[in-house]
Amino acid sequence: MQDRDTRGNERMPFTKKNYIMMLVGVAVIILGFVLMSGGGDHTATYFDESIFSHRRITLAPIVVILGFIVVGVAIMKRFKADNN
């Protein structure tokens, strides 16, 4: 069992900066999925080539991966605690 003195010195695992970075990362991930979405009407007689656009094939997955990297860094990074 821990002493009362050592229990009071523990700090929270995440600071405000960690949470802000996580929110930015989630926003980037959502942006990537929005970039992947869309497309025209697909009927039996017409095929829309826009699903093979540069934005959907290349840009959007890169944006999603960058968002996951930002979230990972936000979880792993240790910021100094603000003692205001």
PDB file of N, CA and C in Angstrom:
ATOM      1  N   MET A   1       0.838  -1.172   0.000  1.00  0.00           N
ATOM      2  CA  MET A   1       0.000   0.000   0.000  1.00  0.00           C
ATOM      3  C   MET A   1       0.891   1.246   0.000  1.00  0.00           C
ATOM      4  N   GLN A   2       0.470   2.256  -0.731  1.00  0.00           N
ATOM      5  CA  GLN A   2       1.273   3.468  -0.840  1.00  0.00           C
ATOM      6  C   GLN A   2       1.021   4.407   0.330  1.00  0.00           C
ATOM      7  N   ASP A   3       2.053   5.172   0.642  1.00  0.00           N
ATOM      8  CA  ASP A   3       1.898   6.200   1.674  1.00  0.00           C
ATOM      9  C   ASP A   3       1.020   7.318   1.156  1.00  0.00           C
ATOM     10  N   ARG A   4       0.469   8.080   2.043  1.00  0.00           N
ATOM     11  CA  ARG A   4      -0.356   9.214   1.636  1.00  0.00           C
ATOM     12  C   ARG A   4       0.474  10.284   0.931  1.00  0.00           C
ATOM     13  N   ASP A   5       1.742  10.429   1.300  1.00  0.00           N
ATOM     14  CA  ASP A   5       2.593  11.441   0.685  1.00  0.00           C
ATOM     15  C   ASP A   5       2.885  11.115  -0.770  1.00  0.00           C
ATOM     16  N   THR A   6       3.175   9.868  -1.090  1.00  0.00           N
ATOM     17  CA  THR A   6       3.512   9.512  -2.474  1.00  0.00           C
ATOM     18  C   THR A   6       2.283   9.498  -3.360  1.00  0.00           C
ATOM     19  N   ARG A   7       1.131   9.195  -2.808  1.00  0.00           N
ATOM     20  CA  ARG A   7      -0.082   9.194  -3.602  1.00  0.00           C
ATOM     21  C   ARG A   7      -0.443  10.610  -4.062  1.00  0.00           C
ATOM     22  N   GLY A   8      -0.159  11.592  -3.281  1.00  0.00           N
ATOM     23  CA  GLY A   8      -0.451  12.981  -3.634  1.00  0.00           C
ATOM     24  C   GLY A   8       0.479  13.536  -4.698  1.00  0.00           C
ATOM     25  N   ASN A   9       1.648  12.928  -4.904  1.00  0.00           N
ATOM     26  CA  ASN A   9       2.612  13.412  -5.888  1.00  0.00           C
ATOM     27  C   ASN A   9       2.398  12.834  -7.284  1.00  0.00           C
ATOM     28  N   GLU A  10       1.480  11.884  -7.431  1.00  0.00           N
ATOM     29  CA  GLU A  10       1.220  11.331  -8.750  1.00  0.00           C
ATOM     30  C   GLU A  10       0.555  12.393  -9.619  1.00  0.00           C
ATOM     31  N   ARG A  11       0.850  12.325 -10.915  1.00  0.00           N
ATOM     32  CA  ARG A  11       0.232  13.298 -11.809  1.00  0.00           C
ATOM     33  C   ARG A  11      -0.591  12.562 -12.844  1.00  0.00           C
ATOM     34  N   MET A  12      -1.451  13.297 -13.480  1.00  0.00           N
ATOM     35  CA  MET A  12      -2.316  12.720 -14.499  1.00  0.00           C
ATOM     36  C   MET A  12      -1.463  12.284 -15.691  1.00  0.00           C
ATOM     37  N   PRO A  13      -1.829  11.205 -16.366  1.00  0.00           N
ATOM     38  CA  PRO A  13      -1.005  10.738 -17.483  1.00  0.00           C
ATOM     39  C   PRO A  13      -1.032  11.680 -18.685  1.00  0.00           C
ATOM     40  N   PHE A  14      -2.117  12.401 -18.895  1.00  0.00           N
ATOM     41  CA  PHE A  14      -2.229  13.329 -20.020  1.00  0.00           C
ATOM     42  C   PHE A  14      -2.439  14.746 -19.516  1.00  0.00           C
ATOM     43  N   THR A  15      -1.832  15.679 -20.238  1.00  0.00           N
ATOM     44  CA  THR A  15      -2.049  17.089 -19.936  1.00  0.00           C
ATOM     45  C   THR A  15      -3.031  17.669 -20.950  1.00  0.00           C
ATOM     46  N   LYS A  16      -3.299  18.941 -20.810  1.00  0.00           N
ATOM     47  CA  LYS A  16      -4.209  19.615 -21.730  1.00  0.00           C
ATOM     48  C   LYS A  16      -3.657  19.586 -23.158  1.00  0.00           C
ATOM     49  N   LYS A  17      -2.341  19.688 -23.299  1.00  0.00           N
ATOM     50  CA  LYS A  17      -1.722  19.652 -24.628  1.00  0.00           C
ATOM     51  C   LYS A  17      -1.927  18.294 -25.291  1.00  0.00           C
ATOM     52  N   ASN A  18      -1.861  17.211 -24.507  1.00  0.00           N
ATOM     53  CA  ASN A  18      -2.112  15.882 -25.057  1.00  0.00           C
ATOM     54  C   ASN A  18      -3.530  15.780 -25.622  1.00  0.00           C
ATOM     55  N   TYR A  19      -4.486  16.276 -24.859  1.00  0.00           N
ATOM     56  CA  TYR A  19      -5.874  16.204 -25.315  1.00  0.00           C
ATOM     57  C   TYR A  19      -6.101  17.064 -26.561  1.00  0.00           C
ATOM     58  N   ILE A  20      -5.473  18.220 -26.612  1.00  0.00           N
ATOM     59  CA  ILE A  20      -5.609  19.074 -27.794  1.00  0.00           C
ATOM     60  C   ILE A  20      -5.005  18.390 -29.015  1.00  0.00           C
ATOM     61  N   MET A  21      -3.833  17.773 -28.831  1.00  0.00           N
ATOM     62  CA  MET A  21      -3.211  17.049 -29.946  1.00  0.00           C
ATOM     63  C   MET A  21      -4.075  15.872 -30.394  1.00  0.00           C
ATOM     64  N   MET A  22      -4.692  15.181 -29.456  1.00  0.00           N
ATOM     65  CA  MET A  22      -5.569  14.074 -29.826  1.00  0.00           C
ATOM     66  C   MET A  22      -6.778  14.566 -30.613  1.00  0.00           C
ATOM     67  N   LEU A  23      -7.359  15.678 -30.196  1.00  0.00           N
ATOM     68  CA  LEU A  23      -8.501  16.234 -30.922  1.00  0.00           C
ATOM     69  C   LEU A  23      -8.107  16.675 -32.327  1.00  0.00           C
ATOM     70  N   VAL A  24      -6.921  17.259 -32.465  1.00  0.00           N
ATOM     71  CA  VAL A  24      -6.431  17.652 -33.789  1.00  0.00           C
ATOM     72  C   VAL A  24      -6.238  16.410 -34.652  1.00  0.00           C
ATOM     73  N   GLY A  25      -5.685  15.353 -34.085  1.00  0.00           N
ATOM     74  CA  GLY A  25      -5.493  14.114 -34.826  1.00  0.00           C
ATOM     75  C   GLY A  25      -6.808  13.501 -35.277  1.00  0.00           C
ATOM     76  N   VAL A  26      -7.802  13.494 -34.401  1.00  0.00           N
ATOM     77  CA  VAL A  26      -9.119  12.969 -34.770  1.00  0.00           C
ATOM     78  C   VAL A  26      -9.741  13.824 -35.868  1.00  0.00           C
ATOM     79  N   ALA A  27      -9.569  15.148 -35.796  1.00  0.00           N
ATOM     80  CA  ALA A  27     -10.087  16.027 -36.840  1.00  0.00           C
ATOM     81  C   ALA A  27      -9.411  15.748 -38.188  1.00  0.00           C
ATOM     82  N   VAL A  28      -8.114  15.469 -38.171  1.00  0.00           N
ATOM     83  CA  VAL A  28      -7.395  15.147 -39.408  1.00  0.00           C
ATOM     84  C   VAL A  28      -7.887  13.812 -39.967  1.00  0.00           C
ATOM     85  N   ILE A  29      -8.147  12.839 -39.102  1.00  0.00           N
ATOM     86  CA  ILE A  29      -8.670  11.547 -39.555  1.00  0.00           C
ATOM     87  C   ILE A  29     -10.042  11.735 -40.204  1.00  0.00           C
ATOM     88  N   ILE A  30     -10.905  12.512 -39.563  1.00  0.00           N
ATOM     89  CA  ILE A  30     -12.233  12.776 -40.127  1.00  0.00           C
ATOM     90  C   ILE A  30     -12.109  13.483 -41.469  1.00  0.00           C
ATOM     91  N   LEU A  31     -11.186  14.438 -41.572  1.00  0.00           N
ATOM     92  CA  LEU A  31     -10.962  15.123 -42.842  1.00  0.00           C
ATOM     93  C   LEU A  31     -10.545  14.130 -43.928  1.00  0.00           C
ATOM     94  N   GLY A  32      -9.688  13.179 -43.583  1.00  0.00           N
ATOM     95  CA  GLY A  32      -9.265  12.168 -44.546  1.00  0.00           C
ATOM     96  C   GLY A  32     -10.423  11.321 -45.035  1.00  0.00           C
ATOM     97  N   PHE A  33     -11.311  10.940 -44.132  1.00  0.00           N
ATOM     98  CA  PHE A  33     -12.466  10.149 -44.553  1.00  0.00           C
ATOM     99  C   PHE A  33     -13.450  10.971 -45.371  1.00  0.00           C
ATOM    100  N   VAL A  34     -13.565  12.257 -45.077  1.00  0.00           N
ATOM    101  CA  VAL A  34     -14.414  13.126 -45.901  1.00  0.00           C
ATOM    102  C   VAL A  34     -13.833  13.248 -47.312  1.00  0.00           C
ATOM    103  N   LEU A  35     -12.499  13.335 -47.405  1.00  0.00           N
ATOM    104  CA  LEU A  35     -11.868  13.387 -48.718  1.00  0.00           C
ATOM    105  C   LEU A  35     -12.093  12.091 -49.500  1.00  0.00           C
ATOM    106  N   MET A  36     -12.218  10.964 -48.816  1.00  0.00           N
ATOM    107  CA  MET A  36     -12.467   9.693 -49.497  1.00  0.00           C
ATOM    108  C   MET A  36     -13.899   9.558 -49.975  1.00  0.00           C
ATOM    109  N   SER A  37     -14.815  10.265 -49.344  1.00  0.00           N
ATOM    110  CA  SER A  37     -16.235  10.080 -49.644  1.00  0.00           C
ATOM    111  C   SER A  37     -16.626  10.775 -50.937  1.00  0.00           C
ATOM    112  N   GLY A  38     -17.845  10.575 -51.320  1.00  0.00           N
ATOM    113  CA  GLY A  38     -18.378  11.230 -52.505  1.00  0.00           C
ATOM    114  C   GLY A  38     -18.472  10.276 -53.666  1.00  0.00           C
ATOM    115  N   GLY A  39     -18.614  10.836 -54.820  1.00  0.00           N
ATOM    116  CA  GLY A  39     -18.748  10.025 -56.015  1.00  0.00           C
ATOM    117  C   GLY A  39     -20.077  10.300 -56.672  1.00  0.00           C
ATOM    118  N   GLY A  40     -20.159   9.953 -57.890  1.00  0.00           N
ATOM    119  CA  GLY A  40     -21.386  10.201 -58.633  1.00  0.00           C
ATOM    120  C   GLY A  40     -22.356   9.049 -58.510  1.00  0.00           C
ATOM    121  N   ASP A  41     -23.428   9.156 -59.289  1.00  0.00           N
ATOM    122  CA  ASP A  41     -24.433   8.104 -59.324  1.00  0.00           C
ATOM    123  C   ASP A  41     -23.911   6.935 -60.144  1.00  0.00           C
ATOM    124  N   HIS A  42     -24.089   5.751 -59.621  1.00  0.00           N
ATOM    125  CA  HIS A  42     -23.674   4.549 -60.342  1.00  0.00           C
ATOM    126  C   HIS A  42     -24.934   3.826 -60.803  1.00  0.00           C
ATOM    127  N   THR A  43     -25.104   3.764 -62.070  1.00  0.00           N
ATOM    128  CA  THR A  43     -26.236   3.036 -62.624  1.00  0.00           C
ATOM    129  C   THR A  43     -25.698   1.865 -63.430  1.00  0.00           C
ATOM    130  N   ALA A  44     -26.595   1.069 -63.913  1.00  0.00           N
ATOM    131  CA  ALA A  44     -26.185  -0.106 -64.683  1.00  0.00           C
ATOM    132  C   ALA A  44     -25.605   0.277 -66.040  1.00  0.00           C
ATOM    133  N   THR A  45     -25.946   1.466 -66.532  1.00  0.00           N
ATOM    134  CA  THR A  45     -25.480   1.855 -67.865  1.00  0.00           C
ATOM    135  C   THR A  45     -24.350   2.865 -67.832  1.00  0.00           C
ATOM    136  N   TYR A  46     -24.052   3.430 -66.670  1.00  0.00           N
ATOM    137  CA  TYR A  46     -23.027   4.475 -66.596  1.00  0.00           C
ATOM    138  C   TYR A  46     -22.115   4.207 -65.412  1.00  0.00           C
ATOM    139  N   PHE A  47     -20.816   4.273 -65.642  1.00  0.00           N
ATOM    140  CA  PHE A  47     -19.834   4.107 -64.571  1.00  0.00           C
ATOM    141  C   PHE A  47     -19.080   5.411 -64.399  1.00  0.00           C
ATOM    142  N   ASP A  48     -19.052   5.919 -63.192  1.00  0.00           N
ATOM    143  CA  ASP A  48     -18.401   7.190 -62.900  1.00  0.00           C
ATOM    144  C   ASP A  48     -16.933   6.938 -62.572  1.00  0.00           C
ATOM    145  N   GLU A  49     -16.044   7.518 -63.335  1.00  0.00           N
ATOM    146  CA  GLU A  49     -14.601   7.333 -63.154  1.00  0.00           C
ATOM    147  C   GLU A  49     -14.039   8.148 -61.980  1.00  0.00           C
ATOM    148  N   SER A  50     -14.846   8.970 -61.336  1.00  0.00           N
ATOM    149  CA  SER A  50     -14.329   9.849 -60.286  1.00  0.00           C
ATOM    150  C   SER A  50     -13.865   9.084 -59.043  1.00  0.00           C
ATOM    151  N   ILE A  51     -14.239   7.818 -58.919  1.00  0.00           N
ATOM    152  CA  ILE A  51     -13.768   7.067 -57.747  1.00  0.00           C
ATOM    153  C   ILE A  51     -12.280   6.778 -57.832  1.00  0.00           C
ATOM    154  N   PHE A  52     -11.701   6.931 -59.007  1.00  0.00           N
ATOM    155  CA  PHE A  52     -10.270   6.702 -59.180  1.00  0.00           C
ATOM    156  C   PHE A  52      -9.475   8.003 -59.204  1.00  0.00           C
ATOM    157  N   SER A  53     -10.017   9.048 -58.624  1.00  0.00           N
ATOM    158  CA  SER A  53      -9.331  10.338 -58.649  1.00  0.00           C
ATOM    159  C   SER A  53      -8.127  10.323 -57.702  1.00  0.00           C
ATOM    160  N   HIS A  54      -7.210  11.237 -57.948  1.00  0.00           N
ATOM    161  CA  HIS A  54      -6.003  11.371 -57.113  1.00  0.00           C
ATOM    162  C   HIS A  54      -6.367  11.639 -55.658  1.00  0.00           C
ATOM    163  N   ARG A  55      -7.408  12.423 -55.461  1.00  0.00           N
ATOM    164  CA  ARG A  55      -7.813  12.780 -54.101  1.00  0.00           C
ATOM    165  C   ARG A  55      -8.231  11.548 -53.306  1.00  0.00           C
ATOM    166  N   ARG A  56      -8.979  10.648 -53.908  1.00  0.00           N
ATOM    167  CA  ARG A  56      -9.480   9.480 -53.187  1.00  0.00           C
ATOM    168  C   ARG A  56      -8.459   8.356 -53.076  1.00  0.00           C
ATOM    169  N   ILE A  57      -7.609   8.214 -54.072  1.00  0.00           N
ATOM    170  CA  ILE A  57      -6.674   7.094 -54.096  1.00  0.00           C
ATOM    171  C   ILE A  57      -5.392   7.403 -53.318  1.00  0.00           C
ATOM    172  N   THR A  58      -4.918   8.637 -53.395  1.00  0.00           N
ATOM    173  CA  THR A  58      -3.616   8.964 -52.816  1.00  0.00           C
ATOM    174  C   THR A  58      -3.715   9.920 -51.629  1.00  0.00           C
ATOM    175  N   LEU A  59      -4.355  11.046 -51.828  1.00  0.00           N
ATOM    176  CA  LEU A  59      -4.352  12.104 -50.814  1.00  0.00           C
ATOM    177  C   LEU A  59      -5.093  11.695 -49.540  1.00  0.00           C
ATOM    178  N   ALA A  60      -6.295  11.162 -49.670  1.00  0.00           N
ATOM    179  CA  ALA A  60      -7.102  10.837 -48.495  1.00  0.00           C
ATOM    180  C   ALA A  60      -6.450   9.782 -47.595  1.00  0.00           C
ATOM    181  N   PRO A  61      -5.913   8.681 -48.130  1.00  0.00           N
ATOM    182  CA  PRO A  61      -5.247   7.731 -47.227  1.00  0.00           C
ATOM    183  C   PRO A  61      -4.019   8.312 -46.524  1.00  0.00           C
ATOM    184  N   ILE A  62      -3.286   9.175 -47.214  1.00  0.00           N
ATOM    185  CA  ILE A  62      -2.131   9.813 -46.574  1.00  0.00           C
ATOM    186  C   ILE A  62      -2.585  10.701 -45.423  1.00  0.00           C
ATOM    187  N   VAL A  63      -3.682  11.441 -45.622  1.00  0.00           N
ATOM    188  CA  VAL A  63      -4.205  12.319 -44.568  1.00  0.00           C
ATOM    189  C   VAL A  63      -4.669  11.487 -43.371  1.00  0.00           C
ATOM    190  N   VAL A  64      -5.335  10.355 -43.624  1.00  0.00           N
ATOM    191  CA  VAL A  64      -5.796   9.498 -42.533  1.00  0.00           C
ATOM    192  C   VAL A  64      -4.605   8.935 -41.755  1.00  0.00           C
ATOM    193  N   ILE A  65      -3.577   8.481 -42.448  1.00  0.00           N
ATOM    194  CA  ILE A  65      -2.396   7.937 -41.776  1.00  0.00           C
ATOM    195  C   ILE A  65      -1.701   9.016 -40.950  1.00  0.00           C
ATOM    196  N   LEU A  66      -1.614  10.231 -41.491  1.00  0.00           N
ATOM    197  CA  LEU A  66      -1.026  11.336 -40.718  1.00  0.00           C
ATOM    198  C   LEU A  66      -1.846  11.623 -39.463  1.00  0.00           C
ATOM    199  N   GLY A  67      -3.164  11.533 -39.562  1.00  0.00           N
ATOM    200  CA  GLY A  67      -4.012  11.720 -38.388  1.00  0.00           C
ATOM    201  C   GLY A  67      -3.751  10.678 -37.320  1.00  0.00           C
ATOM    202  N   PHE A  68      -3.589   9.416 -37.736  1.00  0.00           N
ATOM    203  CA  PHE A  68      -3.275   8.365 -36.762  1.00  0.00           C
ATOM    204  C   PHE A  68      -1.905   8.579 -36.137  1.00  0.00           C
ATOM    205  N   ILE A  69      -0.959   9.085 -36.908  1.00  0.00           N
ATOM    206  CA  ILE A  69       0.371   9.385 -36.359  1.00  0.00           C
ATOM    207  C   ILE A  69       0.283  10.498 -35.321  1.00  0.00           C
ATOM    208  N   VAL A  70      -0.510  11.532 -35.609  1.00  0.00           N
ATOM    209  CA  VAL A  70      -0.672  12.638 -34.651  1.00  0.00           C
ATOM    210  C   VAL A  70      -1.294  12.129 -33.358  1.00  0.00           C
ATOM    211  N   VAL A  71      -2.301  11.266 -33.462  1.00  0.00           N
ATOM    212  CA  VAL A  71      -2.931  10.716 -32.256  1.00  0.00           C
ATOM    213  C   VAL A  71      -1.926   9.857 -31.484  1.00  0.00           C
ATOM    214  N   GLY A  72      -1.136   9.064 -32.183  1.00  0.00           N
ATOM    215  CA  GLY A  72      -0.124   8.238 -31.520  1.00  0.00           C
ATOM    216  C   GLY A  72       0.919   9.069 -30.797  1.00  0.00           C
ATOM    217  N   VAL A  73       1.364  10.143 -31.442  1.00  0.00           N
ATOM    218  CA  VAL A  73       2.336  11.034 -30.793  1.00  0.00           C
ATOM    219  C   VAL A  73       1.701  11.708 -29.580  1.00  0.00           C
ATOM    220  N   ALA A  74       0.432  12.084 -29.703  1.00  0.00           N
ATOM    221  CA  ALA A  74      -0.253  12.729 -28.575  1.00  0.00           C
ATOM    222  C   ALA A  74      -0.360  11.792 -27.380  1.00  0.00           C
ATOM    223  N   ILE A  75      -0.518  10.505 -27.638  1.00  0.00           N
ATOM    224  CA  ILE A  75      -0.617   9.546 -26.542  1.00  0.00           C
ATOM    225  C   ILE A  75       0.751   9.285 -25.917  1.00  0.00           C
ATOM    226  N   MET A  76       1.781   9.208 -26.729  1.00  0.00           N
ATOM    227  CA  MET A  76       3.110   8.838 -26.234  1.00  0.00           C
ATOM    228  C   MET A  76       3.899  10.004 -25.645  1.00  0.00           C
ATOM    229  N   LYS A  77       3.648  11.226 -26.074  1.00  0.00           N
ATOM    230  CA  LYS A  77       4.443  12.390 -25.660  1.00  0.00           C
ATOM    231  C   LYS A  77       4.131  12.768 -24.220  1.00  0.00           C
ATOM    232  N   ARG A  78       5.193  13.056 -23.472  1.00  0.00           N
ATOM    233  CA  ARG A  78       5.048  13.533 -22.097  1.00  0.00           C
ATOM    234  C   ARG A  78       5.364  15.011 -22.051  1.00  0.00           C
ATOM    235  N   PHE A  79       4.359  15.806 -21.787  1.00  0.00           N
ATOM    236  CA  PHE A  79       4.563  17.239 -21.573  1.00  0.00           C
ATOM    237  C   PHE A  79       4.762  17.504 -20.088  1.00  0.00           C
ATOM    238  N   LYS A  80       5.475  18.562 -19.807  1.00  0.00           N
ATOM    239  CA  LYS A  80       5.648  18.944 -18.402  1.00  0.00           C
ATOM    240  C   LYS A  80       4.326  19.475 -17.875  1.00  0.00           C
ATOM    241  N   ALA A  81       4.013  19.111 -16.646  1.00  0.00           N
ATOM    242  CA  ALA A  81       2.751  19.522 -16.028  1.00  0.00           C
ATOM    243  C   ALA A  81       2.808  21.004 -15.717  1.00  0.00           C
ATOM    244  N   ASP A  82       1.733  21.707 -16.016  1.00  0.00           N
ATOM    245  CA  ASP A  82       1.620  23.124 -15.668  1.00  0.00           C
ATOM    246  C   ASP A  82       1.132  23.229 -14.242  1.00  0.00           C
ATOM    247  N   ASN A  83       1.944  23.771 -13.382  1.00  0.00           N
ATOM    248  CA  ASN A  83       1.578  23.946 -11.970  1.00  0.00           C
ATOM    249  C   ASN A  83       1.177  25.380 -11.723  1.00  0.00           C
ATOM    250  N   ASN A  84      -0.022  25.731 -12.172  1.00  0.00           N
ATOM    251  CA  ASN A  84      -0.486  27.119 -11.990  1.00  0.00           C
ATOM    252  C   ASN A  84      -1.198  27.256 -10.677  1.00  0.00           C
TER     253      ASN A  84
END
